[in-house]
N, C-alpha and C. Protein backbone atom coordinates (compact mmCIF):
# COMPACT_ATOMS: atom_id res chain seq x y z
N MET A 1 38.73 189.77 29.21
CA MET A 1 39.33 189.38 30.45
C MET A 1 39.59 190.63 31.26
N THR A 2 39.26 190.58 32.53
CA THR A 2 39.46 191.74 33.39
C THR A 2 40.93 191.83 33.84
N THR A 3 41.28 192.98 34.37
CA THR A 3 42.64 193.22 34.79
C THR A 3 43.00 192.30 35.96
N LYS A 4 42.04 192.09 36.88
CA LYS A 4 42.29 191.19 38.01
C LYS A 4 42.57 189.77 37.51
N ALA A 5 41.76 189.32 36.58
CA ALA A 5 41.93 187.94 36.07
C ALA A 5 43.25 187.79 35.33
N ALA A 6 43.67 188.81 34.60
CA ALA A 6 44.95 188.78 33.87
C ALA A 6 46.11 188.76 34.86
N LEU A 7 46.04 189.56 35.89
CA LEU A 7 47.10 189.56 36.90
C LEU A 7 47.16 188.24 37.66
N ALA A 8 46.02 187.67 37.95
CA ALA A 8 45.99 186.36 38.62
C ALA A 8 46.60 185.29 37.75
N ALA A 9 46.31 185.31 36.47
CA ALA A 9 46.86 184.33 35.51
C ALA A 9 48.36 184.49 35.41
N ILE A 10 48.84 185.69 35.39
CA ILE A 10 50.30 185.96 35.30
C ILE A 10 50.98 185.50 36.60
N ALA A 11 50.39 185.77 37.74
CA ALA A 11 50.97 185.36 39.03
C ALA A 11 51.01 183.84 39.14
N LEU A 12 49.94 183.17 38.70
CA LEU A 12 49.91 181.70 38.74
C LEU A 12 50.96 181.13 37.84
N THR A 13 51.08 181.66 36.64
CA THR A 13 52.08 181.16 35.69
C THR A 13 53.51 181.40 36.24
N ALA A 14 53.77 182.55 36.82
CA ALA A 14 55.11 182.86 37.37
C ALA A 14 55.42 181.94 38.54
N SER A 15 54.42 181.61 39.35
CA SER A 15 54.70 180.74 40.50
C SER A 15 55.04 179.33 40.09
N MET A 16 54.59 178.93 38.93
CA MET A 16 54.92 177.56 38.44
C MET A 16 56.40 177.42 38.10
N PHE A 17 57.05 178.53 37.71
CA PHE A 17 58.44 178.51 37.32
C PHE A 17 59.39 178.94 38.43
N ALA A 18 58.84 179.41 39.53
CA ALA A 18 59.71 179.85 40.66
C ALA A 18 60.25 178.61 41.38
N PRO A 19 61.48 178.70 41.90
CA PRO A 19 62.03 177.56 42.63
C PRO A 19 61.15 177.22 43.83
N GLN A 20 60.95 175.97 44.02
CA GLN A 20 60.08 175.51 45.11
C GLN A 20 60.92 175.23 46.37
N ALA A 21 60.45 175.68 47.52
CA ALA A 21 61.15 175.40 48.79
C ALA A 21 60.97 173.93 49.13
N GLN A 22 62.02 173.31 49.60
CA GLN A 22 61.99 171.92 49.98
C GLN A 22 61.77 171.86 51.50
N ALA A 23 61.09 170.83 51.99
CA ALA A 23 60.85 170.69 53.43
C ALA A 23 62.11 170.28 54.13
N LEU A 24 62.10 170.48 55.47
CA LEU A 24 63.18 170.05 56.32
C LEU A 24 63.20 168.52 56.33
N ASP A 25 64.36 167.96 55.97
CA ASP A 25 64.52 166.52 56.02
C ASP A 25 65.46 166.17 57.18
N VAL A 26 65.05 165.17 57.97
CA VAL A 26 65.85 164.74 59.11
C VAL A 26 66.25 163.30 58.94
N TYR A 27 67.54 163.02 59.11
CA TYR A 27 68.12 161.68 58.98
C TYR A 27 68.89 161.33 60.24
N THR A 28 69.18 160.05 60.46
CA THR A 28 69.93 159.62 61.62
C THR A 28 71.24 158.99 61.15
N LEU A 29 72.35 159.37 61.80
CA LEU A 29 73.64 158.78 61.48
C LEU A 29 73.87 157.61 62.44
N ASP A 30 73.37 156.41 62.08
CA ASP A 30 73.46 155.24 62.95
C ASP A 30 74.84 154.68 63.08
N ASN A 31 75.65 154.66 62.03
CA ASN A 31 76.96 154.06 62.06
C ASN A 31 77.97 154.84 62.89
N LEU A 32 77.66 156.08 63.19
CA LEU A 32 78.58 156.92 63.96
C LEU A 32 78.79 156.32 65.34
N ILE A 33 77.77 155.69 65.90
CA ILE A 33 77.87 155.11 67.24
C ILE A 33 78.78 153.92 67.28
N ASP A 34 78.63 153.00 66.32
CA ASP A 34 79.40 151.75 66.31
C ASP A 34 80.74 151.86 65.62
N ALA A 35 80.80 152.58 64.54
CA ALA A 35 82.02 152.60 63.73
C ALA A 35 82.82 153.88 63.84
N ASN A 36 82.30 154.87 64.57
CA ASN A 36 82.94 156.18 64.74
C ASN A 36 83.05 156.98 63.44
N THR A 37 82.38 156.51 62.40
CA THR A 37 82.34 157.27 61.13
C THR A 37 81.02 156.99 60.45
N ASP A 38 80.57 157.91 59.67
CA ASP A 38 79.35 157.70 58.88
C ASP A 38 79.37 158.64 57.69
N ALA A 39 78.75 158.21 56.63
CA ALA A 39 78.65 158.99 55.41
C ALA A 39 77.17 159.31 55.16
N PHE A 40 76.93 160.42 54.46
CA PHE A 40 75.56 160.80 54.16
C PHE A 40 75.52 161.42 52.78
N THR A 41 74.34 161.38 52.17
CA THR A 41 74.16 161.97 50.86
C THR A 41 72.70 162.30 50.69
N HIS A 42 72.41 163.28 49.84
CA HIS A 42 71.03 163.63 49.55
C HIS A 42 70.96 164.05 48.09
N ALA A 43 70.09 163.44 47.34
CA ALA A 43 69.85 163.77 45.92
C ALA A 43 68.57 164.54 45.78
N PHE A 44 68.56 165.53 44.94
CA PHE A 44 67.38 166.38 44.70
C PHE A 44 66.98 166.28 43.25
N ALA A 45 65.68 166.19 42.98
CA ALA A 45 65.20 166.10 41.61
C ALA A 45 64.92 167.48 41.02
N ASP A 46 64.63 168.45 41.89
CA ASP A 46 64.22 169.77 41.39
C ASP A 46 65.05 170.88 42.03
N PRO A 47 65.12 172.04 41.39
CA PRO A 47 65.79 173.16 42.03
C PRO A 47 65.01 173.71 43.19
N GLY A 48 65.68 174.44 44.07
CA GLY A 48 65.04 175.09 45.22
C GLY A 48 65.90 175.02 46.44
N ALA A 49 65.42 175.68 47.48
CA ALA A 49 66.15 175.71 48.77
C ALA A 49 65.88 174.42 49.54
N PHE A 50 66.87 174.09 50.42
CA PHE A 50 66.71 172.89 51.24
C PHE A 50 67.37 173.10 52.58
N THR A 51 66.93 172.36 53.60
CA THR A 51 67.55 172.32 54.90
C THR A 51 67.48 170.87 55.34
N ASP A 52 68.64 170.30 55.67
CA ASP A 52 68.69 168.90 56.11
C ASP A 52 69.36 168.82 57.50
N HIS A 53 68.87 167.95 58.34
CA HIS A 53 69.47 167.70 59.67
C HIS A 53 69.88 166.22 59.72
N TYR A 54 71.07 165.98 60.22
CA TYR A 54 71.58 164.61 60.44
C TYR A 54 71.83 164.47 61.92
N THR A 55 70.99 163.68 62.61
CA THR A 55 71.06 163.59 64.07
C THR A 55 71.93 162.42 64.49
N PHE A 56 72.57 162.56 65.66
CA PHE A 56 73.34 161.47 66.25
C PHE A 56 73.51 161.68 67.76
N THR A 57 73.74 160.61 68.46
CA THR A 57 74.06 160.63 69.89
C THR A 57 75.18 159.58 70.09
N THR A 58 76.20 159.93 70.86
CA THR A 58 77.26 158.98 71.15
C THR A 58 77.11 158.43 72.54
N ASP A 59 77.55 157.17 72.77
CA ASP A 59 77.47 156.54 74.06
C ASP A 59 78.50 157.10 75.03
N ASP A 60 79.66 157.49 74.50
CA ASP A 60 80.75 158.00 75.33
C ASP A 60 81.17 159.38 74.84
N SER A 61 81.94 160.06 75.65
CA SER A 61 82.51 161.31 75.21
C SER A 61 83.38 161.08 73.98
N ALA A 62 83.38 162.04 73.09
CA ALA A 62 84.13 161.88 71.84
C ALA A 62 84.62 163.22 71.40
N TYR A 63 85.39 163.17 70.33
CA TYR A 63 85.94 164.36 69.72
C TYR A 63 85.61 164.33 68.24
N LEU A 64 84.88 165.30 67.73
CA LEU A 64 84.52 165.31 66.34
C LEU A 64 85.80 165.71 65.57
N THR A 65 86.41 164.69 64.95
CA THR A 65 87.69 164.90 64.28
C THR A 65 87.52 165.61 62.96
N ASP A 66 86.46 165.29 62.22
CA ASP A 66 86.27 165.89 60.90
C ASP A 66 84.83 165.77 60.45
N ALA A 67 84.29 166.83 59.91
CA ALA A 67 82.97 166.82 59.25
C ALA A 67 83.14 167.54 57.92
N LEU A 68 82.78 166.87 56.86
CA LEU A 68 83.02 167.40 55.50
C LEU A 68 81.78 167.18 54.65
N VAL A 69 81.46 168.18 53.82
CA VAL A 69 80.36 168.05 52.86
C VAL A 69 80.86 168.61 51.53
N HIS A 70 80.46 167.97 50.43
CA HIS A 70 80.93 168.41 49.12
C HIS A 70 79.80 168.37 48.12
N SER A 71 79.91 169.22 47.08
CA SER A 71 78.91 169.30 46.02
C SER A 71 79.58 169.84 44.78
N THR A 72 78.84 169.78 43.67
CA THR A 72 79.30 170.44 42.43
C THR A 72 78.76 171.89 42.49
N LYS A 73 79.66 172.87 42.55
CA LYS A 73 79.25 174.26 42.82
C LYS A 73 78.31 174.83 41.77
N SER A 74 78.43 174.41 40.53
CA SER A 74 77.55 174.96 39.48
C SER A 74 76.13 174.44 39.60
N GLU A 75 75.92 173.34 40.33
CA GLU A 75 74.62 172.71 40.47
C GLU A 75 73.95 172.95 41.82
N LEU A 76 74.77 173.14 42.87
CA LEU A 76 74.24 173.21 44.24
C LEU A 76 75.15 174.08 45.08
N THR A 77 74.57 174.99 45.83
CA THR A 77 75.35 175.80 46.75
C THR A 77 75.03 175.45 48.19
N ILE A 78 76.01 175.46 49.04
CA ILE A 78 75.81 175.24 50.47
C ILE A 78 75.92 176.61 51.12
N ASN A 79 74.83 177.00 51.82
CA ASN A 79 74.82 178.30 52.48
C ASN A 79 75.33 178.18 53.92
N PHE A 80 75.07 177.02 54.56
CA PHE A 80 75.45 176.85 55.94
C PHE A 80 75.64 175.36 56.22
N PHE A 81 76.66 175.07 57.04
CA PHE A 81 76.93 173.69 57.49
C PHE A 81 77.48 173.80 58.88
N GLY A 82 76.76 173.32 59.88
CA GLY A 82 77.18 173.48 61.26
C GLY A 82 76.69 172.37 62.17
N LEU A 83 77.18 172.35 63.40
CA LEU A 83 76.79 171.34 64.40
C LEU A 83 76.01 172.01 65.51
N TYR A 84 74.83 171.46 65.83
CA TYR A 84 73.95 172.02 66.84
C TYR A 84 73.70 171.02 67.96
N LEU A 85 73.44 171.53 69.14
CA LEU A 85 72.96 170.75 70.28
C LEU A 85 71.47 170.63 70.09
N ALA A 86 70.96 169.39 70.04
CA ALA A 86 69.53 169.18 69.69
C ALA A 86 68.58 169.69 70.79
N SER A 87 69.00 169.66 72.06
CA SER A 87 68.07 170.02 73.13
C SER A 87 67.62 171.47 73.07
N ASN A 88 68.50 172.37 72.64
CA ASN A 88 68.10 173.79 72.61
C ASN A 88 68.45 174.48 71.27
N ASN A 89 68.84 173.70 70.25
CA ASN A 89 69.13 174.21 68.94
C ASN A 89 70.22 175.29 68.94
N SER A 90 71.20 175.13 69.88
CA SER A 90 72.29 176.09 69.94
C SER A 90 73.46 175.59 69.08
N LEU A 91 74.13 176.50 68.43
CA LEU A 91 75.26 176.18 67.57
C LEU A 91 76.44 175.79 68.48
N VAL A 92 76.98 174.57 68.26
CA VAL A 92 78.08 174.03 69.07
C VAL A 92 79.40 174.35 68.39
N ALA A 93 79.49 174.08 67.11
CA ALA A 93 80.72 174.28 66.35
C ALA A 93 80.52 175.53 65.50
N PRO A 94 81.60 176.26 65.31
CA PRO A 94 81.50 177.41 64.40
C PRO A 94 81.10 176.91 63.02
N ALA A 95 80.43 177.74 62.30
CA ALA A 95 79.98 177.35 60.95
C ALA A 95 81.17 176.88 60.15
N ALA A 96 80.95 175.90 59.33
CA ALA A 96 82.00 175.35 58.51
C ALA A 96 82.52 176.39 57.53
N ILE A 97 83.76 176.26 57.18
CA ILE A 97 84.35 177.14 56.19
C ILE A 97 84.54 176.40 54.88
N GLU A 98 84.46 177.13 53.80
CA GLU A 98 84.69 176.50 52.51
C GLU A 98 86.18 176.23 52.34
N VAL A 99 86.49 175.02 51.92
CA VAL A 99 87.87 174.62 51.74
C VAL A 99 88.45 175.32 50.51
N ASP A 100 89.65 175.81 50.61
CA ASP A 100 90.33 176.45 49.51
C ASP A 100 90.42 175.49 48.32
N PRO A 101 90.00 175.92 47.13
CA PRO A 101 90.02 175.02 45.97
C PRO A 101 91.43 174.51 45.61
N SER A 102 92.46 175.18 46.09
CA SER A 102 93.82 174.70 45.82
C SER A 102 94.28 173.62 46.80
N ASP A 103 93.47 173.33 47.81
CA ASP A 103 93.80 172.25 48.78
C ASP A 103 93.56 170.92 48.11
N SER A 104 94.60 170.30 47.61
CA SER A 104 94.49 169.07 46.86
C SER A 104 94.16 167.86 47.70
N SER A 105 94.17 168.03 49.06
CA SER A 105 93.82 166.87 49.91
C SER A 105 92.36 166.54 49.82
N VAL A 106 91.51 167.51 49.51
CA VAL A 106 90.08 167.24 49.37
C VAL A 106 89.42 167.85 48.13
N ALA A 107 89.93 168.99 47.67
CA ALA A 107 89.25 169.72 46.59
C ALA A 107 89.49 169.13 45.23
N GLN A 108 88.44 169.16 44.43
CA GLN A 108 88.51 168.77 43.02
C GLN A 108 87.99 169.96 42.20
N PRO A 109 88.47 170.12 40.97
CA PRO A 109 88.01 171.27 40.17
C PRO A 109 86.47 171.26 40.01
N GLY A 110 85.86 172.43 40.22
CA GLY A 110 84.41 172.58 40.04
C GLY A 110 83.59 172.13 41.22
N SER A 111 84.21 171.60 42.26
CA SER A 111 83.49 171.12 43.44
C SER A 111 83.67 172.10 44.59
N GLY A 112 82.69 172.11 45.46
CA GLY A 112 82.76 172.92 46.69
C GLY A 112 82.85 172.00 47.89
N TYR A 113 83.74 172.31 48.81
CA TYR A 113 83.92 171.51 50.02
C TYR A 113 83.80 172.43 51.22
N TRP A 114 83.05 171.98 52.23
CA TRP A 114 82.92 172.73 53.46
C TRP A 114 83.27 171.81 54.62
N ARG A 115 84.02 172.30 55.58
CA ARG A 115 84.53 171.42 56.62
C ARG A 115 84.64 172.18 57.95
N PHE A 116 84.45 171.43 59.05
CA PHE A 116 84.83 171.90 60.34
C PHE A 116 85.34 170.71 61.15
N ALA A 117 86.13 170.98 62.16
CA ALA A 117 86.76 169.92 62.95
C ALA A 117 87.11 170.42 64.36
N GLY A 118 87.47 169.49 65.22
CA GLY A 118 87.95 169.87 66.53
C GLY A 118 86.89 170.28 67.52
N VAL A 119 85.83 169.47 67.64
CA VAL A 119 84.72 169.81 68.54
C VAL A 119 84.55 168.66 69.54
N SER A 120 84.45 168.97 70.81
CA SER A 120 84.21 167.97 71.85
C SER A 120 82.71 167.62 71.87
N ILE A 121 82.44 166.32 71.95
CA ILE A 121 81.08 165.80 71.95
C ILE A 121 80.83 165.15 73.31
N ALA A 122 79.79 165.53 74.02
CA ALA A 122 79.46 164.96 75.31
C ALA A 122 78.76 163.61 75.17
N ALA A 123 78.95 162.76 76.13
CA ALA A 123 78.29 161.44 76.13
C ALA A 123 76.79 161.58 76.31
N ASN A 124 76.05 160.70 75.63
CA ASN A 124 74.57 160.60 75.78
C ASN A 124 73.88 161.95 75.54
N THR A 125 74.35 162.71 74.60
CA THR A 125 73.78 164.00 74.24
C THR A 125 73.47 164.00 72.77
N ALA A 126 72.28 164.47 72.42
CA ALA A 126 71.84 164.48 71.04
C ALA A 126 72.35 165.74 70.32
N TYR A 127 72.91 165.52 69.12
CA TYR A 127 73.42 166.61 68.28
C TYR A 127 72.81 166.44 66.88
N TYR A 128 72.92 167.49 66.07
CA TYR A 128 72.57 167.32 64.66
C TYR A 128 73.47 168.22 63.81
N LEU A 129 73.81 167.70 62.65
CA LEU A 129 74.50 168.48 61.61
C LEU A 129 73.41 169.17 60.79
N ALA A 130 73.52 170.47 60.60
CA ALA A 130 72.55 171.18 59.77
C ALA A 130 73.22 171.59 58.45
N ILE A 131 72.55 171.31 57.36
CA ILE A 131 73.04 171.71 56.05
C ILE A 131 71.92 172.47 55.34
N ASP A 132 72.24 173.69 54.93
CA ASP A 132 71.26 174.57 54.31
C ASP A 132 71.83 175.01 53.00
N GLY A 133 71.02 174.95 51.91
CA GLY A 133 71.55 175.37 50.64
C GLY A 133 70.47 175.56 49.58
N ASN A 134 70.94 175.66 48.34
CA ASN A 134 70.06 175.81 47.19
C ASN A 134 70.51 174.91 46.06
N VAL A 135 69.54 174.22 45.44
CA VAL A 135 69.79 173.45 44.26
C VAL A 135 69.62 174.40 43.08
N LEU A 136 70.65 174.53 42.25
CA LEU A 136 70.61 175.50 41.15
C LEU A 136 70.24 174.82 39.84
N ALA A 137 70.65 173.56 39.68
CA ALA A 137 70.42 172.85 38.40
C ALA A 137 68.95 172.54 38.22
N THR A 138 68.45 172.74 37.01
CA THR A 138 67.02 172.51 36.76
C THR A 138 66.70 171.00 36.79
N ASN A 139 67.68 170.14 36.58
CA ASN A 139 67.42 168.73 36.61
C ASN A 139 67.88 168.10 37.95
N GLY A 140 68.10 168.95 38.98
CA GLY A 140 68.46 168.47 40.31
C GLY A 140 69.96 168.28 40.45
N SER A 141 70.33 167.91 41.64
CA SER A 141 71.75 167.68 41.98
C SER A 141 71.82 166.91 43.29
N SER A 142 73.00 166.80 43.84
CA SER A 142 73.16 166.10 45.11
C SER A 142 74.40 166.60 45.83
N TYR A 143 74.47 166.25 47.11
CA TYR A 143 75.67 166.50 47.87
C TYR A 143 75.98 165.23 48.67
N GLY A 144 77.17 165.15 49.17
CA GLY A 144 77.57 164.02 50.01
C GLY A 144 78.50 164.52 51.07
N GLY A 145 78.66 163.73 52.10
CA GLY A 145 79.54 164.12 53.18
C GLY A 145 79.89 162.98 54.09
N SER A 146 80.73 163.28 55.06
CA SER A 146 81.13 162.27 56.06
C SER A 146 81.43 162.94 57.40
N VAL A 147 81.34 162.13 58.44
CA VAL A 147 81.62 162.60 59.80
C VAL A 147 82.52 161.57 60.44
N LEU A 148 83.54 162.01 61.13
CA LEU A 148 84.47 161.12 61.83
C LEU A 148 84.61 161.60 63.25
N ILE A 149 84.39 160.68 64.24
CA ILE A 149 84.61 161.04 65.62
C ILE A 149 85.65 160.08 66.22
N THR A 150 86.36 160.56 67.22
CA THR A 150 87.38 159.79 67.90
C THR A 150 87.00 159.73 69.36
N PRO A 151 86.90 158.54 69.95
CA PRO A 151 86.57 158.41 71.37
C PRO A 151 87.62 159.10 72.24
N VAL A 152 87.20 159.75 73.28
CA VAL A 152 88.11 160.38 74.25
C VAL A 152 88.48 159.34 75.28
N PRO A 153 89.76 159.08 75.52
CA PRO A 153 90.14 158.07 76.51
C PRO A 153 89.66 158.43 77.92
N GLU A 154 89.26 157.40 78.67
CA GLU A 154 88.83 157.60 80.04
C GLU A 154 90.06 157.87 80.91
N PRO A 155 89.91 158.52 82.08
CA PRO A 155 91.04 158.76 82.98
C PRO A 155 91.76 157.49 83.37
N GLU A 156 91.01 156.38 83.46
CA GLU A 156 91.63 155.10 83.85
C GLU A 156 92.65 154.67 82.82
N THR A 157 92.43 155.00 81.55
CA THR A 157 93.37 154.65 80.49
C THR A 157 94.70 155.35 80.73
N TYR A 158 94.63 156.62 81.06
CA TYR A 158 95.88 157.37 81.33
C TYR A 158 96.58 156.81 82.56
N GLY A 159 95.79 156.42 83.59
CA GLY A 159 96.38 155.83 84.78
C GLY A 159 97.13 154.54 84.48
N MET A 160 96.51 153.70 83.66
CA MET A 160 97.17 152.45 83.25
C MET A 160 98.42 152.73 82.44
N LEU A 161 98.38 153.72 81.59
CA LEU A 161 99.55 154.05 80.78
C LEU A 161 100.69 154.50 81.67
N LEU A 162 100.42 155.40 82.62
CA LEU A 162 101.45 155.88 83.52
C LEU A 162 101.97 154.74 84.40
N GLY A 163 101.07 153.87 84.89
CA GLY A 163 101.49 152.72 85.69
C GLY A 163 102.42 151.79 84.89
N GLY A 164 102.06 151.53 83.66
CA GLY A 164 102.91 150.69 82.81
C GLY A 164 104.26 151.29 82.55
N MET A 165 104.27 152.60 82.32
CA MET A 165 105.55 153.29 82.10
C MET A 165 106.40 153.25 83.36
N GLY A 166 105.78 153.39 84.53
CA GLY A 166 106.49 153.30 85.81
C GLY A 166 107.12 151.94 86.01
N ILE A 167 106.37 150.89 85.70
CA ILE A 167 106.91 149.53 85.83
C ILE A 167 108.08 149.33 84.89
N MET A 168 107.94 149.80 83.66
CA MET A 168 109.05 149.68 82.69
C MET A 168 110.28 150.42 83.17
N ALA A 169 110.14 151.62 83.76
CA ALA A 169 111.27 152.40 84.25
C ALA A 169 111.91 151.65 85.42
N PHE A 170 111.08 151.10 86.33
CA PHE A 170 111.58 150.32 87.48
C PHE A 170 112.39 149.14 87.00
N LEU A 171 111.87 148.37 86.06
CA LEU A 171 112.57 147.20 85.53
C LEU A 171 113.87 147.56 84.84
N ALA A 172 113.85 148.65 84.08
CA ALA A 172 115.05 149.10 83.39
C ALA A 172 116.12 149.53 84.40
N ARG A 173 115.74 150.22 85.44
CA ARG A 173 116.66 150.66 86.46
C ARG A 173 117.24 149.46 87.22
N ARG A 174 116.36 148.50 87.53
CA ARG A 174 116.79 147.31 88.23
C ARG A 174 117.78 146.50 87.39
N ARG A 175 117.48 146.38 86.09
CA ARG A 175 118.37 145.62 85.20
C ARG A 175 119.70 146.34 85.09
N LYS A 176 119.69 147.65 85.02
CA LYS A 176 120.93 148.43 84.92
C LYS A 176 121.78 148.28 86.19
N SER A 177 121.14 148.31 87.38
CA SER A 177 121.90 148.17 88.62
C SER A 177 122.40 146.72 88.81
N ALA A 178 121.71 145.75 88.28
CA ALA A 178 122.15 144.34 88.34
C ALA A 178 123.37 144.10 87.51
N GLN A 179 123.48 144.85 86.39
CA GLN A 179 124.61 144.71 85.49
C GLN A 179 125.86 145.39 86.04
N ALA A 180 125.71 146.36 86.88
CA ALA A 180 126.86 147.13 87.37
C ALA A 180 127.59 146.44 88.49
């Protein structure tokens, strides 16, 4: 066997055991529009890098109250979790931060949690959540997450609230003067 053939055989054998890159997977968060919340999950059969996008558009202006993703840290690592504007792929929300493992509101031993919150969402604008990471376990792993948005009240809602409070104040004052 020649040296070239031996090197080619070694390279081919090594490439069979190297982690395989996974393609970009794109999903749609349909329930976010109707229910203001949606959950997502992705299971992997093999180790390797991955990038997933979860797209959504809201009918009205909203406020992204919470976005959370979790995994088992020994099996899967999250390198990046963020919110992008789909039209120009610009980062809208700062990259998510890993939740402190001592935060008992979400953290469980051995799990990793990444979260961001407090982002204004424009009406009829396409966004996507980007999750980038690596599957470490040789038999695969998975992650899961959720998104919660809160509709932003229209100005008319505030006007009606102030009008109602004004009527209540007027009636209370009238009742007080009638009693005196």
